[in-house]
Amino acid sequence: MTAARALPDNTVHVWVLHESVVQRASESLSHTLSPDEWERARAYRQDKHRDRFMARRGILRHLLGNYLNCEPASLRFGSTQHGKPFLLHPGAASLAFNVSHTDEMAVLAFVSHGRIGVDVEQSIDDMEVAGIGRGIFSSSEEAALASAGPDSVATFLRLWTRKEALLKALGTGLIHQPTSYATATEPHRGEGCWLASYNGVALSGWTCRDLTLGPRLRGALAVSMDHAQVSLQPCSSLLQTGMPLTAHA
């Protein structure tokens, strides 16, 4: 039996799946997918989209299998009424995860004994952001975007990823009073840190961070844990170090 991957208390693991290793991850881990995941994969018309889906699900299963010390192929998932996936497993109560992806990258975040949300978005050339956040952003976020000037795209993506990560962690999604929640930069806690609030009252006991992912990418993480340590790791390391791609030998 392969030893379980350690996920220490008060620590968040964020695994980054770059496009460069998608095909290898898809080929190496496709055997762990469930029949319904295979059906979803076959529905993609383009090979690159199918490979990305299979790589994301395979990496997710592989990491969950190692954290829980079980076979990745044995894992089964459900979803909340807001569409957030969760794990059907005896050890799942102590392990939370969340996944987000763009065309170029996927991020998979894990934490023990907490709620977690992650989001990644990709900048688009000539992107027009006026009005996009209406009904989603709080009044303070709309004011920050309105005053951004030439940096409006970067500001929009920063605000959007923060809001998505927070609402995913809370489990509400964008359909339950998103304007009641606000995010704001909190530089005294360190570079990339931000504060979340609800109807003007700060949410205590949370760690909220921007993620540095690439020049055209913006990411954010929210976890219900005060002063959590966040570790970013490339998924390529799983495929290059000789680590077994199943939980058991």
Foldseek 3Di string as FASTA:
>chain_A
DFAADDFDALAKEKAKEFLVCLQVLLVVQLVLDDPVLVVVLVPDPDPSVSSNSSSVLRLVLLNVCRNVLHWSSPWDWDADPQGFIATDDPPRVQKEKEKEDDSGMIMIMMHGPKFKFKYKDFADPPDDDPPVCVLQAAPVLVVCLVPCPPCNRVSVQQQVQQLRGVCVSVVNGRPPPNRQKHKADDPVVHPQWIWIDGNPHTDPQKTKGWDDDDDRMTMIMIMNHPPGHYDYHYPVCVVPVPPDSTSDD
